[in-house]
C-alpha cells in the first residue's frame, strides 16, 4: 500500500469529495494555485478550477460566505491558513453556524479546516 502522509490523506479525501459531489467547494486563502499553506489542496485547482477558490484575507467573511452557501445547498470546505486565525471568525462559527439549526431547523453542512502544529512540507525550502 505504501506510506501515506496525513496531508496526502486530507488532499485525497478532498479530491474524492470534489469528484463525487458537485456541491462541494474549497474556499480559503491561497488554496488555489499555491495549494494551501500546508499543501492540502495542491493540484486540486487544476482539476476543479471553479470549485477551489482563493479568498481575501478575512476569516469572518470566509466563514460567513460558507454559511450562506451551505444554507443554499452547497457543501463548503473552508481552509484557514492556520488555526490561530480562527478566533477572528468565532462569531460566525459559534453564533451563526453552530446555532442556526436550533433556531431554524435548517442544518449547516460546513467543514472548517484549521491546520495547526504543522512543519515544512518535504521538498519545500524554509525561510531562515
C-alpha atoms as a PDB file:
ATOM      1  CA  UNK A   1       0.000   0.000   0.000  1.00  0.00           C
ATOM      2  CA  UNK A   2       2.876   2.380   0.699  1.00  0.00           C
ATOM      3  CA  UNK A   3       3.253   5.319   3.006  1.00  0.00           C
ATOM      4  CA  UNK A   4       0.507   7.923   3.082  1.00  0.00           C
ATOM      5  CA  UNK A   5       1.161  11.113   4.988  1.00  0.00           C
ATOM      6  CA  UNK A   6      -1.558  12.901   6.924  1.00  0.00           C
ATOM      7  CA  UNK A   7      -1.581  15.762   4.421  1.00  0.00           C
ATOM      8  CA  UNK A   8      -1.766  13.318   1.484  1.00  0.00           C
ATOM      9  CA  UNK A   9      -4.807  11.675   3.100  1.00  0.00           C
ATOM     10  CA  UNK A  10      -6.513  15.054   3.564  1.00  0.00           C
ATOM     11  CA  UNK A  11      -5.802  16.006  -0.062  1.00  0.00           C
ATOM     12  CA  UNK A  12      -7.099  12.641  -1.326  1.00  0.00           C
ATOM     13  CA  UNK A  13     -10.283  12.923   0.762  1.00  0.00           C
ATOM     14  CA  UNK A  14     -10.937  16.428  -0.546  1.00  0.00           C
ATOM     15  CA  UNK A  15     -10.285  15.257  -4.108  1.00  0.00           C
ATOM     16  CA  UNK A  16     -12.797  12.442  -3.696  1.00  0.00           C
ATOM     17  CA  UNK A  17     -15.422  14.821  -2.284  1.00  0.00           C
ATOM     18  CA  UNK A  18     -14.938  17.272  -5.152  1.00  0.00           C
ATOM     19  CA  UNK A  19     -15.100  14.444  -7.698  1.00  0.00           C
ATOM     20  CA  UNK A  20     -18.204  12.813  -6.207  1.00  0.00           C
ATOM     21  CA  UNK A  21     -20.355  15.833  -5.310  1.00  0.00           C
ATOM     22  CA  UNK A  22     -20.721  18.971  -7.445  1.00  0.00           C
ATOM     23  CA  UNK A  23     -21.973  20.862  -4.371  1.00  0.00           C
ATOM     24  CA  UNK A  24     -18.576  20.625  -2.663  1.00  0.00           C
ATOM     25  CA  UNK A  25     -16.144  23.507  -2.990  1.00  0.00           C
ATOM     26  CA  UNK A  26     -12.965  24.528  -1.167  1.00  0.00           C
ATOM     27  CA  UNK A  27     -12.692  28.132  -0.037  1.00  0.00           C
ATOM     28  CA  UNK A  28      -9.665  29.730   1.628  1.00  0.00           C
ATOM     29  CA  UNK A  29      -6.563  31.857   1.406  1.00  0.00           C
ATOM     30  CA  UNK A  30      -4.010  30.571  -1.114  1.00  0.00           C
ATOM     31  CA  UNK A  31      -5.810  27.236  -1.597  1.00  0.00           C
ATOM     32  CA  UNK A  32      -5.833  27.583  -5.392  1.00  0.00           C
ATOM     33  CA  UNK A  33      -2.629  27.934  -7.350  1.00  0.00           C
ATOM     34  CA  UNK A  34      -0.419  27.881  -4.224  1.00  0.00           C
ATOM     35  CA  UNK A  35      -2.086  24.721  -2.873  1.00  0.00           C
ATOM     36  CA  UNK A  36      -2.618  25.926   0.682  1.00  0.00           C
ATOM     37  CA  UNK A  37      -0.170  26.771   3.455  1.00  0.00           C
ATOM     38  CA  UNK A  38       0.498  23.061   4.089  1.00  0.00           C
ATOM     39  CA  UNK A  39      -0.285  21.876   0.524  1.00  0.00           C
ATOM     40  CA  UNK A  40      -3.565  20.172   1.427  1.00  0.00           C
ATOM     41  CA  UNK A  41      -5.126  21.458  -1.798  1.00  0.00           C
ATOM     42  CA  UNK A  42      -2.100  21.161  -4.069  1.00  0.00           C
ATOM     43  CA  UNK A  43      -3.168  20.203  -7.600  1.00  0.00           C
ATOM     44  CA  UNK A  44      -6.905  20.419  -6.907  1.00  0.00           C
ATOM     45  CA  UNK A  45      -7.353  23.808  -8.596  1.00  0.00           C
ATOM     46  CA  UNK A  46      -6.188  22.413 -11.936  1.00  0.00           C
ATOM     47  CA  UNK A  47      -8.772  19.613 -11.832  1.00  0.00           C
ATOM     48  CA  UNK A  48     -11.625  21.616 -10.254  1.00  0.00           C
ATOM     49  CA  UNK A  49     -10.895  25.222 -11.282  1.00  0.00           C
ATOM     50  CA  UNK A  50     -14.319  26.631 -10.453  1.00  0.00           C
ATOM     51  CA  UNK A  51     -14.590  24.912  -7.051  1.00  0.00           C
ATOM     52  CA  UNK A  52     -11.200  25.575  -5.438  1.00  0.00           C
ATOM     53  CA  UNK A  53     -11.417  29.255  -4.659  1.00  0.00           C
ATOM     54  CA  UNK A  54      -8.976  31.731  -3.155  1.00  0.00           C
ATOM     55  CA  UNK A  55     -10.422  34.265  -0.730  1.00  0.00           C
ATOM     56  CA  UNK A  56      -9.449  37.676   0.557  1.00  0.00           C
ATOM     57  CA  UNK A  57      -7.753  37.844   3.950  1.00  0.00           C
ATOM     58  CA  UNK A  58     -10.911  37.970   6.055  1.00  0.00           C
ATOM     59  CA  UNK A  59     -11.620  34.865   8.096  1.00  0.00           C
ATOM     60  CA  UNK A  60     -15.023  36.058   9.297  1.00  0.00           C
ATOM     61  CA  UNK A  61     -16.077  36.790   5.704  1.00  0.00           C
ATOM     62  CA  UNK A  62     -14.824  33.352   4.589  1.00  0.00           C
ATOM     63  CA  UNK A  63     -16.911  31.555   7.202  1.00  0.00           C
ATOM     64  CA  UNK A  64     -19.915  33.845   6.688  1.00  0.00           C
ATOM     65  CA  UNK A  65     -19.922  33.232   2.936  1.00  0.00           C
ATOM     66  CA  UNK A  66     -19.588  29.490   3.505  1.00  0.00           C
ATOM     67  CA  UNK A  67     -22.518  29.527   5.944  1.00  0.00           C
ATOM     68  CA  UNK A  68     -24.664  31.253   3.332  1.00  0.00           C
ATOM     69  CA  UNK A  69     -23.588  28.773   0.674  1.00  0.00           C
ATOM     70  CA  UNK A  70     -24.382  25.838   2.990  1.00  0.00           C
ATOM     71  CA  UNK A  71     -27.838  27.238   3.723  1.00  0.00           C
ATOM     72  CA  UNK A  72     -28.427  27.341  -0.041  1.00  0.00           C
ATOM     73  CA  UNK A  73     -27.440  23.680  -0.507  1.00  0.00           C
ATOM     74  CA  UNK A  74     -23.694  23.793  -1.133  1.00  0.00           C
ATOM     75  CA  UNK A  75     -21.094  21.779   0.837  1.00  0.00           C
ATOM     76  CA  UNK A  76     -18.233  24.205   1.559  1.00  0.00           C
ATOM     77  CA  UNK A  77     -14.840  23.245   2.942  1.00  0.00           C
ATOM     78  CA  UNK A  78     -13.205  26.337   4.440  1.00  0.00           C
ATOM     79  CA  UNK A  79      -9.465  26.193   4.999  1.00  0.00           C
ATOM     80  CA  UNK A  80      -7.907  28.822   7.202  1.00  0.00           C
ATOM     81  CA  UNK A  81      -4.169  29.105   6.784  1.00  0.00           C
ATOM     82  CA  UNK A  82      -3.562  28.471  10.492  1.00  0.00           C
ATOM     83  CA  UNK A  83      -5.860  27.575  13.391  1.00  0.00           C
ATOM     84  CA  UNK A  84      -4.528  30.629  15.229  1.00  0.00           C
ATOM     85  CA  UNK A  85      -6.619  32.828  12.923  1.00  0.00           C
ATOM     86  CA  UNK A  86      -9.896  31.038  13.679  1.00  0.00           C
ATOM     87  CA  UNK A  87     -10.769  33.319  16.595  1.00  0.00           C
ATOM     88  CA  UNK A  88     -11.352  36.108  14.069  1.00  0.00           C
ATOM     89  CA  UNK A  89     -14.301  34.073  12.751  1.00  0.00           C
ATOM     90  CA  UNK A  90     -15.524  32.868  16.157  1.00  0.00           C
ATOM     91  CA  UNK A  91     -18.732  34.895  15.977  1.00  0.00           C
ATOM     92  CA  UNK A  92     -19.630  33.297  12.632  1.00  0.00           C
ATOM     93  CA  UNK A  93     -18.780  29.808  13.894  1.00  0.00           C
ATOM     94  CA  UNK A  94     -20.458  29.970  17.312  1.00  0.00           C
ATOM     95  CA  UNK A  95     -23.329  32.406  16.949  1.00  0.00           C
ATOM     96  CA  UNK A  96     -24.320  31.551  13.395  1.00  0.00           C
ATOM     97  CA  UNK A  97     -23.198  28.137  12.101  1.00  0.00           C
ATOM     98  CA  UNK A  98     -23.436  26.283  15.414  1.00  0.00           C
ATOM     99  CA  UNK A  99     -26.852  27.632  16.417  1.00  0.00           C
ATOM    100  CA  UNK A 100     -28.639  28.008  13.079  1.00  0.00           C
ATOM    101  CA  UNK A 101     -30.271  24.575  13.157  1.00  0.00           C
ATOM    102  CA  UNK A 102     -31.755  25.136  16.600  1.00  0.00           C
ATOM    103  CA  UNK A 103     -33.199  28.467  15.516  1.00  0.00           C
ATOM    104  CA  UNK A 104     -34.497  27.459  12.077  1.00  0.00           C
ATOM    105  CA  UNK A 105     -34.451  23.678  11.618  1.00  0.00           C
ATOM    106  CA  UNK A 106     -32.010  24.078   8.717  1.00  0.00           C
ATOM    107  CA  UNK A 107     -28.638  22.393   9.065  1.00  0.00           C
ATOM    108  CA  UNK A 108     -25.332  23.971   8.065  1.00  0.00           C
ATOM    109  CA  UNK A 109     -23.282  21.258   6.287  1.00  0.00           C
ATOM    110  CA  UNK A 110     -19.945  23.001   6.594  1.00  0.00           C
ATOM    111  CA  UNK A 111     -16.378  21.782   7.096  1.00  0.00           C
ATOM    112  CA  UNK A 112     -13.854  24.117   8.711  1.00  0.00           C
ATOM    113  CA  UNK A 113     -10.216  23.062   8.328  1.00  0.00           C
ATOM    114  CA  UNK A 114      -7.943  24.685  10.891  1.00  0.00           C
ATOM    115  CA  UNK A 115      -4.375  23.431  10.394  1.00  0.00           C
ATOM    116  CA  UNK A 116      -2.090  23.541  13.410  1.00  0.00           C
ATOM    117  CA  UNK A 117       1.168  22.019  14.540  1.00  0.00           C
ATOM    118  CA  UNK A 118       2.475  21.657  11.009  1.00  0.00           C
ATOM    119  CA  UNK A 119       6.027  21.662   9.818  1.00  0.00           C
ATOM    120  CA  UNK A 120       7.570  22.405   6.426  1.00  0.00           C
ATOM    121  CA  UNK A 121       6.473  20.076   3.657  1.00  0.00           C
ATOM    122  CA  UNK A 122       9.130  17.814   2.147  1.00  0.00           C
ATOM    123  CA  UNK A 123      10.764  19.421  -0.831  1.00  0.00           C
ATOM    124  CA  UNK A 124       9.911  22.973   0.184  1.00  0.00           C
ATOM    125  CA  UNK A 125      12.587  25.329   1.415  1.00  0.00           C
ATOM    126  CA  UNK A 126      12.175  27.097   4.724  1.00  0.00           C
ATOM    127  CA  UNK A 127      12.947  30.706   5.476  1.00  0.00           C
ATOM    128  CA  UNK A 128      15.851  31.163   7.874  1.00  0.00           C
END
